[in-house]
N, C-alpha and C. Protein backbone atom coordinates (compact mmCIF):
# COMPACT_ATOMS: atom_id res chain seq x y z
N MET A 1 21.72 64.54 211.67
CA MET A 1 21.95 63.50 212.67
C MET A 1 23.14 62.66 212.20
N THR A 2 24.05 62.41 213.07
CA THR A 2 25.13 61.47 212.81
C THR A 2 24.88 60.27 213.69
N GLY A 3 24.55 59.17 213.05
CA GLY A 3 24.21 57.97 213.81
C GLY A 3 24.77 56.73 213.16
N THR A 4 24.12 55.63 213.43
CA THR A 4 24.51 54.32 212.94
C THR A 4 23.67 53.97 211.73
N ARG A 5 24.30 53.48 210.68
CA ARG A 5 23.56 53.06 209.48
C ARG A 5 23.13 51.61 209.64
N VAL A 6 21.86 51.36 209.31
CA VAL A 6 21.30 50.02 209.41
C VAL A 6 20.62 49.68 208.09
N PHE A 7 20.86 48.46 207.59
CA PHE A 7 20.18 47.94 206.40
C PHE A 7 19.08 46.99 206.86
N VAL A 8 17.84 47.27 206.44
CA VAL A 8 16.71 46.41 206.79
C VAL A 8 16.13 45.82 205.52
N TYR A 9 15.66 44.59 205.60
CA TYR A 9 15.26 43.83 204.42
C TYR A 9 13.88 43.20 204.54
N GLY A 10 13.25 43.28 205.71
CA GLY A 10 12.01 42.55 205.93
C GLY A 10 10.90 43.42 206.49
N THR A 11 10.42 43.04 207.67
CA THR A 11 9.24 43.69 208.25
C THR A 11 9.50 45.10 208.76
N LEU A 12 10.75 45.55 208.77
CA LEU A 12 11.07 46.91 209.21
C LEU A 12 11.01 47.93 208.07
N LYS A 13 10.88 47.48 206.84
CA LYS A 13 10.84 48.40 205.70
C LYS A 13 9.54 49.19 205.69
N ARG A 14 9.56 50.31 204.96
CA ARG A 14 8.37 51.15 204.83
C ARG A 14 7.18 50.33 204.33
N GLY A 15 6.03 50.52 204.97
CA GLY A 15 4.82 49.83 204.58
C GLY A 15 4.70 48.40 205.09
N GLN A 16 5.70 47.93 205.84
CA GLN A 16 5.69 46.55 206.34
C GLN A 16 5.27 46.54 207.82
N PRO A 17 4.95 45.35 208.36
CA PRO A 17 4.32 45.26 209.69
C PRO A 17 5.09 45.90 210.85
N ASN A 18 6.42 45.92 210.83
CA ASN A 18 7.18 46.50 211.95
C ASN A 18 7.81 47.85 211.61
N TYR A 19 7.35 48.47 210.55
CA TYR A 19 7.93 49.75 210.13
C TYR A 19 7.82 50.82 211.22
N PHE A 20 6.82 50.72 212.08
CA PHE A 20 6.63 51.75 213.10
C PHE A 20 7.87 51.93 213.98
N TYR A 21 8.75 50.92 214.03
CA TYR A 21 10.00 51.07 214.78
C TYR A 21 10.91 52.13 214.16
N LEU A 22 10.78 52.34 212.86
CA LEU A 22 11.65 53.29 212.16
C LEU A 22 10.91 54.50 211.60
N ASP A 23 9.59 54.48 211.62
CA ASP A 23 8.79 55.56 211.06
C ASP A 23 9.02 56.85 211.84
N GLU A 24 9.54 57.86 211.13
CA GLU A 24 9.84 59.14 211.77
C GLU A 24 8.60 59.81 212.33
N ARG A 25 7.42 59.40 211.85
CA ARG A 25 6.17 60.05 212.28
C ARG A 25 5.44 59.27 213.35
N SER A 26 6.00 58.15 213.84
CA SER A 26 5.23 57.30 214.75
C SER A 26 5.20 57.81 216.19
N GLY A 27 5.89 58.87 216.47
CA GLY A 27 5.78 59.54 217.77
C GLY A 27 6.18 58.68 218.94
N THR A 28 5.30 58.61 219.95
CA THR A 28 5.65 57.95 221.20
C THR A 28 5.74 56.43 221.08
N ALA A 29 5.22 55.84 220.01
CA ALA A 29 5.25 54.38 219.87
C ALA A 29 6.66 53.87 219.63
N LYS A 30 7.51 54.71 219.09
CA LYS A 30 8.86 54.25 218.77
C LYS A 30 9.87 54.87 219.72
N LYS A 31 11.02 54.24 219.77
CA LYS A 31 12.10 54.74 220.63
C LYS A 31 13.20 55.30 219.77
N GLY A 32 13.71 56.44 220.16
CA GLY A 32 14.85 57.02 219.46
C GLY A 32 14.49 57.71 218.17
N ILE A 33 15.52 58.05 217.42
CA ILE A 33 15.37 58.81 216.18
C ILE A 33 15.94 57.99 215.03
N SER A 34 15.22 58.00 213.92
CA SER A 34 15.70 57.33 212.72
C SER A 34 15.43 58.23 211.52
N LYS A 35 16.23 58.02 210.48
CA LYS A 35 16.05 58.78 209.24
C LYS A 35 16.26 57.84 208.06
N PHE A 36 15.28 57.82 207.17
CA PHE A 36 15.39 57.02 205.95
C PHE A 36 16.42 57.65 205.04
N LEU A 37 17.40 56.86 204.60
CA LEU A 37 18.44 57.39 203.73
C LEU A 37 18.29 56.95 202.28
N GLY A 38 17.57 55.86 202.04
CA GLY A 38 17.36 55.41 200.67
C GLY A 38 17.28 53.92 200.56
N LYS A 39 16.93 53.46 199.36
CA LYS A 39 16.92 52.02 199.09
C LYS A 39 18.34 51.57 198.81
N GLY A 40 18.60 50.31 199.13
CA GLY A 40 19.92 49.76 198.89
C GLY A 40 19.83 48.29 198.54
N GLN A 41 20.97 47.75 198.08
CA GLN A 41 21.05 46.35 197.71
C GLN A 41 22.38 45.80 198.22
N THR A 42 22.33 44.61 198.80
CA THR A 42 23.56 44.01 199.31
C THR A 42 24.54 43.79 198.17
N VAL A 43 25.81 44.10 198.40
CA VAL A 43 26.85 43.86 197.40
C VAL A 43 27.07 42.36 197.26
N ASP A 44 27.12 41.66 198.39
CA ASP A 44 27.25 40.21 198.38
C ASP A 44 25.86 39.58 198.34
N LYS A 45 25.81 38.36 197.86
CA LYS A 45 24.55 37.61 197.83
C LYS A 45 24.31 36.98 199.19
N TYR A 46 23.03 36.94 199.58
CA TYR A 46 22.60 36.30 200.82
C TYR A 46 21.28 35.58 200.56
N PRO A 47 21.03 34.48 201.29
CA PRO A 47 19.72 33.85 201.18
C PRO A 47 18.71 34.57 202.07
N LEU A 48 17.73 35.21 201.45
CA LEU A 48 16.60 35.81 202.16
C LEU A 48 15.45 34.82 202.03
N VAL A 49 15.04 34.23 203.15
CA VAL A 49 14.00 33.21 203.15
C VAL A 49 12.88 33.63 204.10
N VAL A 50 11.72 33.04 203.91
CA VAL A 50 10.59 33.23 204.82
C VAL A 50 10.31 31.88 205.44
N ALA A 51 10.31 31.84 206.79
CA ALA A 51 10.21 30.55 207.47
C ALA A 51 9.41 30.67 208.76
N THR A 52 9.12 29.56 209.35
CA THR A 52 8.39 29.33 210.60
C THR A 52 6.90 29.55 210.38
N ARG A 53 6.14 29.10 211.36
CA ARG A 53 4.68 29.26 211.30
C ARG A 53 4.26 30.73 211.37
N PHE A 54 5.20 31.63 211.71
CA PHE A 54 4.92 33.06 211.78
C PHE A 54 5.29 33.78 210.48
N ASN A 55 5.82 33.04 209.48
CA ASN A 55 6.20 33.63 208.18
C ASN A 55 7.16 34.80 208.35
N VAL A 56 8.24 34.54 209.05
CA VAL A 56 9.24 35.56 209.35
C VAL A 56 10.31 35.58 208.25
N PRO A 57 10.64 36.77 207.73
CA PRO A 57 11.76 36.84 206.78
C PRO A 57 13.08 36.80 207.54
N PHE A 58 13.99 35.95 207.08
CA PHE A 58 15.31 35.81 207.69
C PHE A 58 16.37 36.02 206.61
N LEU A 59 17.41 36.76 206.94
CA LEU A 59 18.59 36.85 206.09
C LEU A 59 19.62 35.93 206.74
N LEU A 60 19.93 34.84 206.05
CA LEU A 60 20.82 33.84 206.61
C LEU A 60 22.27 34.27 206.45
N ALA A 61 23.06 34.01 207.46
CA ALA A 61 24.49 34.36 207.43
C ALA A 61 25.22 33.34 206.56
N ALA A 62 25.03 33.47 205.26
CA ALA A 62 25.65 32.57 204.28
C ALA A 62 26.03 33.42 203.06
N SER A 63 26.92 34.36 203.30
CA SER A 63 27.35 35.27 202.23
C SER A 63 27.85 34.48 201.03
N GLY A 64 27.44 34.91 199.84
CA GLY A 64 27.83 34.25 198.61
C GLY A 64 26.78 33.30 198.08
N THR A 65 25.77 33.00 198.88
CA THR A 65 24.65 32.14 198.48
C THR A 65 23.40 33.00 198.41
N GLY A 66 22.55 32.77 197.43
CA GLY A 66 21.28 33.48 197.37
C GLY A 66 21.27 34.57 196.33
N LYS A 67 20.78 35.74 196.72
CA LYS A 67 20.59 36.86 195.81
C LYS A 67 21.13 38.15 196.44
N ASN A 68 21.34 39.14 195.59
CA ASN A 68 21.65 40.48 196.09
C ASN A 68 20.33 41.06 196.58
N VAL A 69 20.21 41.21 197.87
CA VAL A 69 18.94 41.53 198.53
C VAL A 69 18.69 43.04 198.52
N ILE A 70 17.48 43.42 198.15
CA ILE A 70 17.07 44.83 198.13
C ILE A 70 16.37 45.15 199.45
N GLY A 71 16.77 46.25 200.05
CA GLY A 71 16.17 46.69 201.30
C GLY A 71 16.26 48.20 201.42
N GLU A 72 16.29 48.68 202.65
CA GLU A 72 16.34 50.11 202.92
C GLU A 72 17.45 50.42 203.91
N VAL A 73 18.00 51.62 203.78
CA VAL A 73 19.07 52.08 204.66
C VAL A 73 18.52 53.20 205.54
N TYR A 74 18.77 53.08 206.83
CA TYR A 74 18.36 54.09 207.80
C TYR A 74 19.57 54.51 208.61
N GLU A 75 19.51 55.74 209.08
CA GLU A 75 20.46 56.21 210.08
C GLU A 75 19.68 56.29 211.38
N VAL A 76 20.20 55.68 212.43
CA VAL A 76 19.48 55.62 213.71
C VAL A 76 20.38 56.10 214.83
N ASP A 77 19.77 56.65 215.87
CA ASP A 77 20.54 57.03 217.05
C ASP A 77 20.70 55.81 217.96
N ASP A 78 21.44 55.96 219.04
CA ASP A 78 21.72 54.84 219.93
C ASP A 78 20.46 54.22 220.52
N GLU A 79 19.49 55.06 220.88
CA GLU A 79 18.26 54.55 221.49
C GLU A 79 17.46 53.71 220.48
N CYS A 80 17.39 54.15 219.26
CA CYS A 80 16.68 53.39 218.22
C CYS A 80 17.43 52.09 217.91
N PHE A 81 18.75 52.16 217.85
CA PHE A 81 19.56 50.97 217.59
C PHE A 81 19.33 49.93 218.68
N GLN A 82 19.27 50.38 219.92
CA GLN A 82 19.01 49.48 221.04
C GLN A 82 17.61 48.86 220.93
N ALA A 83 16.62 49.66 220.51
CA ALA A 83 15.26 49.14 220.32
C ALA A 83 15.23 48.08 219.22
N LEU A 84 16.02 48.29 218.15
CA LEU A 84 16.11 47.29 217.09
C LEU A 84 16.76 46.02 217.61
N ASP A 85 17.81 46.17 218.43
CA ASP A 85 18.44 45.00 219.04
C ASP A 85 17.42 44.19 219.85
N GLU A 86 16.58 44.89 220.60
CA GLU A 86 15.56 44.20 221.40
C GLU A 86 14.54 43.51 220.51
N LEU A 87 14.08 44.18 219.46
CA LEU A 87 13.12 43.58 218.54
C LEU A 87 13.70 42.33 217.89
N GLU A 88 14.94 42.39 217.48
CA GLU A 88 15.60 41.28 216.78
C GLU A 88 16.18 40.24 217.74
N ASP A 89 15.97 40.45 219.05
CA ASP A 89 16.44 39.53 220.08
C ASP A 89 17.95 39.28 219.93
N TYR A 90 18.67 40.39 219.67
CA TYR A 90 20.12 40.35 219.53
C TYR A 90 20.76 40.32 220.91
N PRO A 91 21.69 39.47 221.18
CA PRO A 91 22.35 38.50 220.30
C PRO A 91 21.81 37.08 220.42
N LYS A 92 20.69 36.88 221.13
CA LYS A 92 20.16 35.53 221.34
C LYS A 92 19.68 34.89 220.04
N LEU A 93 18.87 35.60 219.25
CA LEU A 93 18.34 35.02 218.02
C LEU A 93 19.19 35.44 216.82
N TYR A 94 19.30 36.74 216.60
CA TYR A 94 20.07 37.26 215.47
C TYR A 94 21.44 37.72 215.93
N GLY A 95 22.37 37.63 214.99
CA GLY A 95 23.64 38.34 215.13
C GLY A 95 23.54 39.57 214.25
N ARG A 96 24.54 40.40 214.32
CA ARG A 96 24.57 41.52 213.36
C ARG A 96 26.01 41.76 212.96
N GLU A 97 26.16 42.24 211.74
CA GLU A 97 27.50 42.56 211.25
C GLU A 97 27.42 43.69 210.24
N LEU A 98 28.57 44.30 210.03
CA LEU A 98 28.64 45.33 209.00
C LEU A 98 28.73 44.66 207.64
N ILE A 99 27.85 45.06 206.73
CA ILE A 99 27.88 44.54 205.37
C ILE A 99 27.96 45.71 204.40
N ASN A 100 28.37 45.41 203.17
CA ASN A 100 28.42 46.43 202.13
C ASN A 100 27.09 46.49 201.39
N VAL A 101 26.60 47.72 201.24
CA VAL A 101 25.32 47.95 200.58
C VAL A 101 25.52 49.00 199.49
N ARG A 102 25.01 48.70 198.30
CA ARG A 102 25.05 49.64 197.18
C ARG A 102 23.75 50.44 197.19
N LEU A 103 23.88 51.76 197.17
CA LEU A 103 22.70 52.62 197.20
C LEU A 103 22.00 52.61 195.86
N LEU A 104 20.69 52.41 195.89
CA LEU A 104 19.88 52.41 194.67
C LEU A 104 19.22 53.76 194.45
N ASP A 105 19.02 54.48 195.52
CA ASP A 105 18.52 55.86 195.45
C ASP A 105 18.98 56.55 196.72
N ARG A 106 18.66 57.79 196.86
CA ARG A 106 19.10 58.50 198.06
C ARG A 106 18.06 59.52 198.47
N ASP A 107 18.17 59.92 199.71
CA ASP A 107 17.27 60.92 200.26
C ASP A 107 18.11 61.82 201.16
N GLY A 108 18.11 63.09 200.87
CA GLY A 108 18.87 64.01 201.71
C GLY A 108 20.33 64.10 201.30
N ASN A 109 21.17 64.39 202.25
CA ASN A 109 22.59 64.63 202.00
C ASN A 109 23.40 63.36 202.23
N MET A 110 23.09 62.34 201.46
CA MET A 110 23.81 61.09 201.62
C MET A 110 24.69 60.85 200.41
N ALA A 111 25.40 59.75 200.41
CA ALA A 111 26.23 59.38 199.27
C ALA A 111 25.38 59.25 198.02
N SER A 112 26.02 59.28 196.88
CA SER A 112 25.32 59.22 195.60
C SER A 112 24.82 57.83 195.30
N CYS A 113 23.78 57.78 194.49
CA CYS A 113 23.26 56.51 193.98
C CYS A 113 24.40 55.74 193.33
N GLY A 114 24.49 54.46 193.63
CA GLY A 114 25.56 53.63 193.09
C GLY A 114 26.75 53.50 194.02
N ASP A 115 26.88 54.40 195.00
CA ASP A 115 27.97 54.30 195.98
C ASP A 115 27.74 53.10 196.89
N THR A 116 28.81 52.57 197.42
CA THR A 116 28.74 51.47 198.38
C THR A 116 29.08 52.00 199.76
N ILE A 117 28.24 51.67 200.73
CA ILE A 117 28.45 52.08 202.11
C ILE A 117 28.37 50.85 203.01
N GLN A 118 28.86 50.98 204.23
CA GLN A 118 28.73 49.91 205.21
C GLN A 118 27.56 50.20 206.13
N CYS A 119 26.79 49.14 206.40
CA CYS A 119 25.63 49.24 207.27
C CYS A 119 25.58 48.01 208.18
N TRP A 120 25.03 48.20 209.36
CA TRP A 120 24.75 47.07 210.22
C TRP A 120 23.56 46.33 209.65
N CYS A 121 23.59 45.01 209.74
CA CYS A 121 22.50 44.17 209.25
C CYS A 121 22.31 43.01 210.21
N TYR A 122 21.05 42.68 210.49
CA TYR A 122 20.73 41.55 211.35
C TYR A 122 20.67 40.28 210.50
N LEU A 123 21.47 39.29 210.90
CA LEU A 123 21.58 38.03 210.17
C LEU A 123 21.31 36.87 211.12
N LEU A 124 20.75 35.80 210.59
CA LEU A 124 20.51 34.61 211.38
C LEU A 124 21.72 33.69 211.25
N TYR A 125 22.39 33.46 212.38
CA TYR A 125 23.53 32.54 212.47
C TYR A 125 23.03 31.21 213.03
N ASN A 126 23.85 30.19 212.94
CA ASN A 126 23.53 28.87 213.51
C ASN A 126 22.16 28.37 213.05
N PHE A 127 21.85 28.63 211.79
CA PHE A 127 20.54 28.23 211.26
C PHE A 127 20.58 26.77 210.81
N ARG A 128 19.43 26.15 210.83
CA ARG A 128 19.30 24.77 210.35
C ARG A 128 19.51 24.77 208.83
N GLN A 129 20.24 23.80 208.34
CA GLN A 129 20.62 23.73 206.93
C GLN A 129 19.41 23.61 206.00
N ASN A 130 18.28 23.06 206.50
CA ASN A 130 17.10 22.95 205.64
C ASN A 130 16.55 24.32 205.22
N LEU A 131 16.93 25.38 205.93
CA LEU A 131 16.49 26.72 205.53
C LEU A 131 17.09 27.11 204.18
N LEU A 132 18.25 26.54 203.86
CA LEU A 132 18.88 26.85 202.57
C LEU A 132 18.13 26.23 201.39
N SER A 133 17.21 25.31 201.66
CA SER A 133 16.42 24.71 200.58
C SER A 133 15.13 25.49 200.31
N LEU A 134 14.84 26.51 201.11
CA LEU A 134 13.65 27.34 200.88
C LEU A 134 13.92 28.29 199.71
N PRO A 135 12.85 28.81 199.09
CA PRO A 135 13.07 29.78 198.01
C PRO A 135 13.78 31.03 198.51
N TYR A 136 14.71 31.54 197.71
CA TYR A 136 15.41 32.78 198.02
C TYR A 136 14.67 33.95 197.39
N HIS A 137 14.59 35.04 198.12
CA HIS A 137 13.91 36.23 197.63
C HIS A 137 14.91 37.36 197.42
N GLU A 138 14.67 38.14 196.39
CA GLU A 138 15.50 39.32 196.17
C GLU A 138 14.99 40.48 197.02
N GLU A 139 13.69 40.51 197.21
CA GLU A 139 13.07 41.59 197.98
C GLU A 139 11.85 41.05 198.70
N TYR A 140 11.67 41.48 199.95
CA TYR A 140 10.54 41.04 200.76
C TYR A 140 9.47 42.12 200.76
N ASP A 141 8.22 41.70 200.51
CA ASP A 141 7.07 42.59 200.63
C ASP A 141 5.91 41.75 201.16
N ASP A 142 5.56 41.95 202.41
CA ASP A 142 4.52 41.15 203.06
C ASP A 142 3.19 41.26 202.32
N TRP A 143 2.89 42.42 201.75
CA TRP A 143 1.60 42.66 201.12
C TRP A 143 1.48 41.95 199.77
N LYS A 144 2.58 41.52 199.20
CA LYS A 144 2.54 40.79 197.93
C LYS A 144 2.49 39.28 198.16
N ARG A 145 2.53 38.87 199.40
CA ARG A 145 2.46 37.44 199.73
C ARG A 145 1.00 37.02 199.87
N PRO A 146 0.68 35.75 199.60
CA PRO A 146 -0.70 35.30 199.83
C PRO A 146 -1.12 35.56 201.27
N GLU A 147 -2.39 35.80 201.48
CA GLU A 147 -2.86 36.18 202.81
C GLU A 147 -2.47 35.17 203.89
N ASP A 148 -2.51 33.89 203.56
CA ASP A 148 -2.17 32.88 204.55
C ASP A 148 -0.66 32.69 204.72
N ALA A 149 0.13 33.45 203.99
CA ALA A 149 1.59 33.36 204.09
C ALA A 149 2.21 34.68 204.55
N ARG A 150 1.40 35.56 205.11
CA ARG A 150 1.90 36.85 205.58
C ARG A 150 2.47 36.73 206.99
N PHE A 151 3.32 37.68 207.32
CA PHE A 151 3.95 37.76 208.64
C PHE A 151 2.88 37.78 209.72
N ASP A 152 3.08 36.97 210.76
CA ASP A 152 2.17 36.92 211.89
C ASP A 152 2.90 37.41 213.13
N GLY A 153 2.81 38.71 213.36
CA GLY A 153 3.48 39.29 214.51
C GLY A 153 2.64 39.25 215.77
N LYS A 154 1.43 38.68 215.68
CA LYS A 154 0.54 38.65 216.84
C LYS A 154 0.91 37.53 217.82
N GLY A 155 1.45 36.44 217.27
CA GLY A 155 1.83 35.32 218.12
C GLY A 155 3.07 35.66 218.93
N GLU A 156 3.22 35.01 220.03
CA GLU A 156 4.38 35.23 220.89
C GLU A 156 5.37 34.09 220.65
N PRO A 157 6.46 34.37 219.95
CA PRO A 157 7.43 33.30 219.70
C PRO A 157 7.93 32.69 221.01
N ASP A 158 8.08 31.40 220.99
CA ASP A 158 8.61 30.70 222.16
C ASP A 158 9.82 29.88 221.72
N ASP A 159 10.37 29.11 222.66
CA ASP A 159 11.57 28.35 222.34
C ASP A 159 11.36 27.36 221.20
N SER A 160 10.12 26.86 221.02
CA SER A 160 9.88 25.91 219.93
C SER A 160 10.09 26.58 218.57
N LEU A 161 9.82 27.86 218.48
CA LEU A 161 10.05 28.57 217.22
C LEU A 161 11.53 28.58 216.89
N TRP A 162 12.36 28.88 217.87
CA TRP A 162 13.79 28.95 217.62
C TRP A 162 14.34 27.57 217.27
N GLN A 163 13.72 26.51 217.83
CA GLN A 163 14.14 25.15 217.48
C GLN A 163 13.89 24.84 216.01
N GLU A 164 12.90 25.49 215.41
CA GLU A 164 12.61 25.28 213.99
C GLU A 164 13.72 25.83 213.09
N ILE A 165 14.46 26.81 213.58
CA ILE A 165 15.39 27.51 212.71
C ILE A 165 16.84 27.49 213.15
N ARG A 166 17.09 27.25 214.44
CA ARG A 166 18.46 27.34 214.97
C ARG A 166 19.01 25.96 215.32
N THR A 167 20.29 25.75 215.06
CA THR A 167 20.95 24.49 215.42
C THR A 167 21.41 24.50 216.86
N ASP A 168 21.51 25.66 217.47
CA ASP A 168 22.01 25.74 218.85
C ASP A 168 20.89 25.83 219.88
N SER A 169 19.63 25.52 219.47
CA SER A 169 18.50 25.49 220.40
C SER A 169 18.35 24.08 220.95
N ALA A 170 17.93 23.98 222.18
CA ALA A 170 17.73 22.67 222.78
C ALA A 170 16.58 21.95 222.08
N ASP A 171 16.76 20.68 221.80
CA ASP A 171 15.67 19.89 221.15
C ASP A 171 14.78 19.26 222.18
């Protein structure tokens, strides 16, 4: 498959709450085709924080601040990429940009471990500055978080949620 490379760092990773969007075995529940290419780490530092009453992991668009974030690299077709855009509420909530990712391992016929590739990544722009005072994480794993601090995907985010994190939301 020749598709679009995407770097994921939060709930879309293997074993995490939204992984079914990328799970090659999830069948009719997911849209499009995806292929796991390997683990990767951002070349630049970014603040990976967990915020809101839903305990959502956010990668803030503040390159040079934070940590080199560990995540996963996938190759996705157009239909899967569009489904990810819908999940991430792109471009209303998240923006996305090409970032450099260093491969930590590989799967299949991909570049070698240690190589740097470009991948699309969903980043939070126009974020409230108080998010920069939250703890930065190198890697997100919902199952290693205390039970009361795990991702809550059952709630339906509304405009008040975006007001907690975005500067361009109406108060």
